[in-house]
Amino acid sequence: MDLLVGFLIFAGIFALYDALRKVNNNILNQTEEIKKLREELANNNKN
């Protein structure tokens, strides 16, 4: 029974880590897209 509880705790921690990693990657991707859009807007305003 203790082994099952330990495994469930480990699986929960791993699932939380994986979810946070995915959210962080999404934030980084969105930041890069925003930078690209700003550069395009700046270039279009100069022309």
PDB file of N, CA and C in Angstrom:
ATOM      1  N   MET A   1       0.836  -1.201   0.000  1.00  0.00           N
ATOM      2  CA  MET A   1       0.000   0.000   0.000  1.00  0.00           C
ATOM      3  C   MET A   1       0.875   1.257   0.000  1.00  0.00           C
ATOM      4  N   ASP A   2       1.954   1.246   0.778  1.00  0.00           N
ATOM      5  CA  ASP A   2       2.851   2.400   0.807  1.00  0.00           C
ATOM      6  C   ASP A   2       3.500   2.627  -0.554  1.00  0.00           C
ATOM      7  N   LEU A   3       3.810   1.541  -1.246  1.00  0.00           N
ATOM      8  CA  LEU A   3       4.416   1.666  -2.568  1.00  0.00           C
ATOM      9  C   LEU A   3       3.446   2.333  -3.542  1.00  0.00           C
ATOM     10  N   LEU A   4       2.182   1.984  -3.472  1.00  0.00           N
ATOM     11  CA  LEU A   4       1.174   2.590  -4.343  1.00  0.00           C
ATOM     12  C   LEU A   4       1.037   4.084  -4.061  1.00  0.00           C
ATOM     13  N   VAL A   5       0.978   4.454  -2.792  1.00  0.00           N
ATOM     14  CA  VAL A   5       0.869   5.869  -2.427  1.00  0.00           C
ATOM     15  C   VAL A   5       2.106   6.624  -2.910  1.00  0.00           C
ATOM     16  N   GLY A   6       3.268   6.055  -2.730  1.00  0.00           N
ATOM     17  CA  GLY A   6       4.498   6.687  -3.188  1.00  0.00           C
ATOM     18  C   GLY A   6       4.509   6.874  -4.694  1.00  0.00           C
ATOM     19  N   PHE A   7       4.060   5.859  -5.412  1.00  0.00           N
ATOM     20  CA  PHE A   7       4.006   5.956  -6.865  1.00  0.00           C
ATOM     21  C   PHE A   7       3.018   7.037  -7.301  1.00  0.00           C
ATOM     22  N   LEU A   8       1.870   7.126  -6.651  1.00  0.00           N
ATOM     23  CA  LEU A   8       0.878   8.132  -7.006  1.00  0.00           C
ATOM     24  C   LEU A   8       1.389   9.545  -6.743  1.00  0.00           C
ATOM     25  N   ILE A   9       2.105   9.717  -5.650  1.00  0.00           N
ATOM     26  CA  ILE A   9       2.690  11.031  -5.350  1.00  0.00           C
ATOM     27  C   ILE A   9       3.729  11.394  -6.407  1.00  0.00           C
ATOM     28  N   PHE A  10       4.569  10.426  -6.754  1.00  0.00           N
ATOM     29  CA  PHE A  10       5.579  10.661  -7.785  1.00  0.00           C
ATOM     30  C   PHE A  10       4.919  10.996  -9.120  1.00  0.00           C
ATOM     31  N   ALA A  11       3.889  10.262  -9.497  1.00  0.00           N
ATOM     32  CA  ALA A  11       3.199  10.517 -10.763  1.00  0.00           C
ATOM     33  C   ALA A  11       2.545  11.902 -10.745  1.00  0.00           C
ATOM     34  N   GLY A  12       1.994  12.299  -9.617  1.00  0.00           N
ATOM     35  CA  GLY A  12       1.391  13.624  -9.506  1.00  0.00           C
ATOM     36  C   GLY A  12       2.406  14.732  -9.651  1.00  0.00           C
ATOM     37  N   ILE A  13       3.554  14.568  -9.016  1.00  0.00           N
ATOM     38  CA  ILE A  13       4.614  15.579  -9.117  1.00  0.00           C
ATOM     39  C   ILE A  13       5.126  15.658 -10.550  1.00  0.00           C
ATOM     40  N   PHE A  14       5.293  14.510 -11.183  1.00  0.00           N
ATOM     41  CA  PHE A  14       5.763  14.499 -12.569  1.00  0.00           C
ATOM     42  C   PHE A  14       4.743  15.163 -13.491  1.00  0.00           C
ATOM     43  N   ALA A  15       3.455  14.899 -13.287  1.00  0.00           N
ATOM     44  CA  ALA A  15       2.414  15.506 -14.118  1.00  0.00           C
ATOM     45  C   ALA A  15       2.407  17.021 -13.939  1.00  0.00           C
ATOM     46  N   LEU A  16       2.585  17.490 -12.725  1.00  0.00           N
ATOM     47  CA  LEU A  16       2.640  18.928 -12.460  1.00  0.00           C
ATOM     48  C   LEU A  16       3.856  19.553 -13.140  1.00  0.00           C
ATOM     49  N   TYR A  17       4.994  18.895 -13.047  1.00  0.00           N
ATOM     50  CA  TYR A  17       6.207  19.384 -13.702  1.00  0.00           C
ATOM     51  C   TYR A  17       6.005  19.469 -15.211  1.00  0.00           C
ATOM     52  N   ASP A  18       5.411  18.449 -15.799  1.00  0.00           N
ATOM     53  CA  ASP A  18       5.195  18.420 -17.239  1.00  0.00           C
ATOM     54  C   ASP A  18       4.235  19.532 -17.662  1.00  0.00           C
ATOM     55  N   ALA A  19       3.184  19.753 -16.895  1.00  0.00           N
ATOM     56  CA  ALA A  19       2.225  20.815 -17.220  1.00  0.00           C
ATOM     57  C   ALA A  19       2.892  22.184 -17.148  1.00  0.00           C
ATOM     58  N   LEU A  20       3.696  22.421 -16.119  1.00  0.00           N
ATOM     59  CA  LEU A  20       4.398  23.706 -16.002  1.00  0.00           C
ATOM     60  C   LEU A  20       5.396  23.902 -17.140  1.00  0.00           C
ATOM     61  N   ARG A  21       6.049  22.828 -17.546  1.00  0.00           N
ATOM     62  CA  ARG A  21       6.999  22.913 -18.656  1.00  0.00           C
ATOM     63  C   ARG A  21       6.287  23.296 -19.952  1.00  0.00           C
ATOM     64  N   LYS A  22       5.128  22.716 -20.186  1.00  0.00           N
ATOM     65  CA  LYS A  22       4.373  23.035 -21.401  1.00  0.00           C
ATOM     66  C   LYS A  22       3.886  24.481 -21.384  1.00  0.00           C
ATOM     67  N   VAL A  23       3.409  24.947 -20.238  1.00  0.00           N
ATOM     68  CA  VAL A  23       2.960  26.335 -20.126  1.00  0.00           C
ATOM     69  C   VAL A  23       4.130  27.280 -20.372  1.00  0.00           C
ATOM     70  N   ASN A  24       5.277  26.975 -19.810  1.00  0.00           N
ATOM     71  CA  ASN A  24       6.454  27.813 -19.992  1.00  0.00           C
ATOM     72  C   ASN A  24       6.864  27.864 -21.464  1.00  0.00           C
ATOM     73  N   ASN A  25       6.836  26.723 -22.146  1.00  0.00           N
ATOM     74  CA  ASN A  25       7.182  26.701 -23.567  1.00  0.00           C
ATOM     75  C   ASN A  25       6.196  27.527 -24.379  1.00  0.00           C
ATOM     76  N   ASN A  26       4.922  27.463 -24.031  1.00  0.00           N
ATOM     77  CA  ASN A  26       3.922  28.259 -24.745  1.00  0.00           C
ATOM     78  C   ASN A  26       4.171  29.746 -24.544  1.00  0.00           C
ATOM     79  N   ILE A  27       4.517  30.139 -23.321  1.00  0.00           N
ATOM     80  CA  ILE A  27       4.800  31.547 -23.051  1.00  0.00           C
ATOM     81  C   ILE A  27       6.014  32.014 -23.849  1.00  0.00           C
ATOM     82  N   LEU A  28       7.048  31.183 -23.897  1.00  0.00           N
ATOM     83  CA  LEU A  28       8.245  31.553 -24.660  1.00  0.00           C
ATOM     84  C   LEU A  28       7.935  31.682 -26.147  1.00  0.00           C
ATOM     85  N   ASN A  29       7.126  30.771 -26.683  1.00  0.00           N
ATOM     86  CA  ASN A  29       6.752  30.840 -28.101  1.00  0.00           C
ATOM     87  C   ASN A  29       5.939  32.089 -28.395  1.00  0.00           C
ATOM     88  N   GLN A  30       5.015  32.425 -27.508  1.00  0.00           N
ATOM     89  CA  GLN A  30       4.204  33.622 -27.708  1.00  0.00           C
ATOM     90  C   GLN A  30       5.061  34.880 -27.638  1.00  0.00           C
ATOM     91  N   THR A  31       6.045  34.893 -26.762  1.00  0.00           N
ATOM     92  CA  THR A  31       6.940  36.043 -26.651  1.00  0.00           C
ATOM     93  C   THR A  31       7.722  36.233 -27.950  1.00  0.00           C
ATOM     94  N   GLU A  32       8.195  35.138 -28.526  1.00  0.00           N
ATOM     95  CA  GLU A  32       8.924  35.228 -29.796  1.00  0.00           C
ATOM     96  C   GLU A  32       8.014  35.735 -30.906  1.00  0.00           C
ATOM     97  N   GLU A  33       6.779  35.263 -30.947  1.00  0.00           N
ATOM     98  CA  GLU A  33       5.834  35.725 -31.962  1.00  0.00           C
ATOM     99  C   GLU A  33       5.544  37.215 -31.802  1.00  0.00           C
ATOM    100  N   ILE A  34       5.410  37.685 -30.578  1.00  0.00           N
ATOM    101  CA  ILE A  34       5.163  39.114 -30.326  1.00  0.00           C
ATOM    102  C   ILE A  34       6.347  39.946 -30.801  1.00  0.00           C
ATOM    103  N   LYS A  35       7.566  39.459 -30.567  1.00  0.00           N
ATOM    104  CA  LYS A  35       8.755  40.182 -31.028  1.00  0.00           C
ATOM    105  C   LYS A  35       8.751  40.294 -32.548  1.00  0.00           C
ATOM    106  N   LYS A  36       8.410  39.198 -33.228  1.00  0.00           N
ATOM    107  CA  LYS A  36       8.368  39.214 -34.691  1.00  0.00           C
ATOM    108  C   LYS A  36       7.313  40.184 -35.198  1.00  0.00           C
ATOM    109  N   LEU A  37       6.144  40.191 -34.563  1.00  0.00           N
ATOM    110  CA  LEU A  37       5.083  41.111 -34.977  1.00  0.00           C
ATOM    111  C   LEU A  37       5.493  42.563 -34.769  1.00  0.00           C
ATOM    112  N   ARG A  38       6.159  42.844 -33.659  1.00  0.00           N
ATOM    113  CA  ARG A  38       6.622  44.218 -33.409  1.00  0.00           C
ATOM    114  C   ARG A  38       7.609  44.657 -34.471  1.00  0.00           C
ATOM    115  N   GLU A  39       8.533  43.765 -34.845  1.00  0.00           N
ATOM    116  CA  GLU A  39       9.509  44.100 -35.879  1.00  0.00           C
ATOM    117  C   GLU A  39       8.816  44.353 -37.212  1.00  0.00           C
ATOM    118  N   GLU A  40       7.833  43.523 -37.551  1.00  0.00           N
ATOM    119  CA  GLU A  40       7.109  43.716 -38.809  1.00  0.00           C
ATOM    120  C   GLU A  40       6.344  45.039 -38.789  1.00  0.00           C
ATOM    121  N   LEU A  41       5.704  45.347 -37.679  1.00  0.00           N
ATOM    122  CA  LEU A  41       4.972  46.609 -37.584  1.00  0.00           C
ATOM    123  C   LEU A  41       5.918  47.804 -37.691  1.00  0.00           C
ATOM    124  N   ALA A  42       7.058  47.718 -37.058  1.00  0.00           N
ATOM    125  CA  ALA A  42       8.031  48.804 -37.111  1.00  0.00           C
ATOM    126  C   ALA A  42       8.528  48.996 -38.551  1.00  0.00           C
ATOM    127  N   ASN A  43       8.772  47.903 -39.240  1.00  0.00           N
ATOM    128  CA  ASN A  43       9.238  47.993 -40.630  1.00  0.00           C
ATOM    129  C   ASN A  43       8.143  48.542 -41.531  1.00  0.00           C
ATOM    130  N   ASN A  44       6.910  48.169 -41.293  1.00  0.00           N
ATOM    131  CA  ASN A  44       5.811  48.672 -42.132  1.00  0.00           C
ATOM    132  C   ASN A  44       5.553  50.151 -41.885  1.00  0.00           C
ATOM    133  N   ASN A  45       5.739  50.614 -40.667  1.00  0.00           N
ATOM    134  CA  ASN A  45       5.523  52.023 -40.360  1.00  0.00           C
ATOM    135  C   ASN A  45       6.621  52.909 -40.957  1.00  0.00           C
ATOM    136  N   LYS A  46       7.819  52.370 -41.127  1.00  0.00           N
ATOM    137  CA  LYS A  46       8.923  53.146 -41.712  1.00  0.00           C
ATOM    138  C   LYS A  46       8.716  53.355 -43.202  1.00  0.00           C
ATOM    139  N   ASN A  47       8.069  52.406 -43.848  1.00  0.00           N
ATOM    140  CA  ASN A  47       7.896  52.479 -45.320  1.00  0.00           C
ATOM    141  C   ASN A  47       6.778  53.374 -45.725  1.00  0.00           C
TER     142      ASN A  47
END
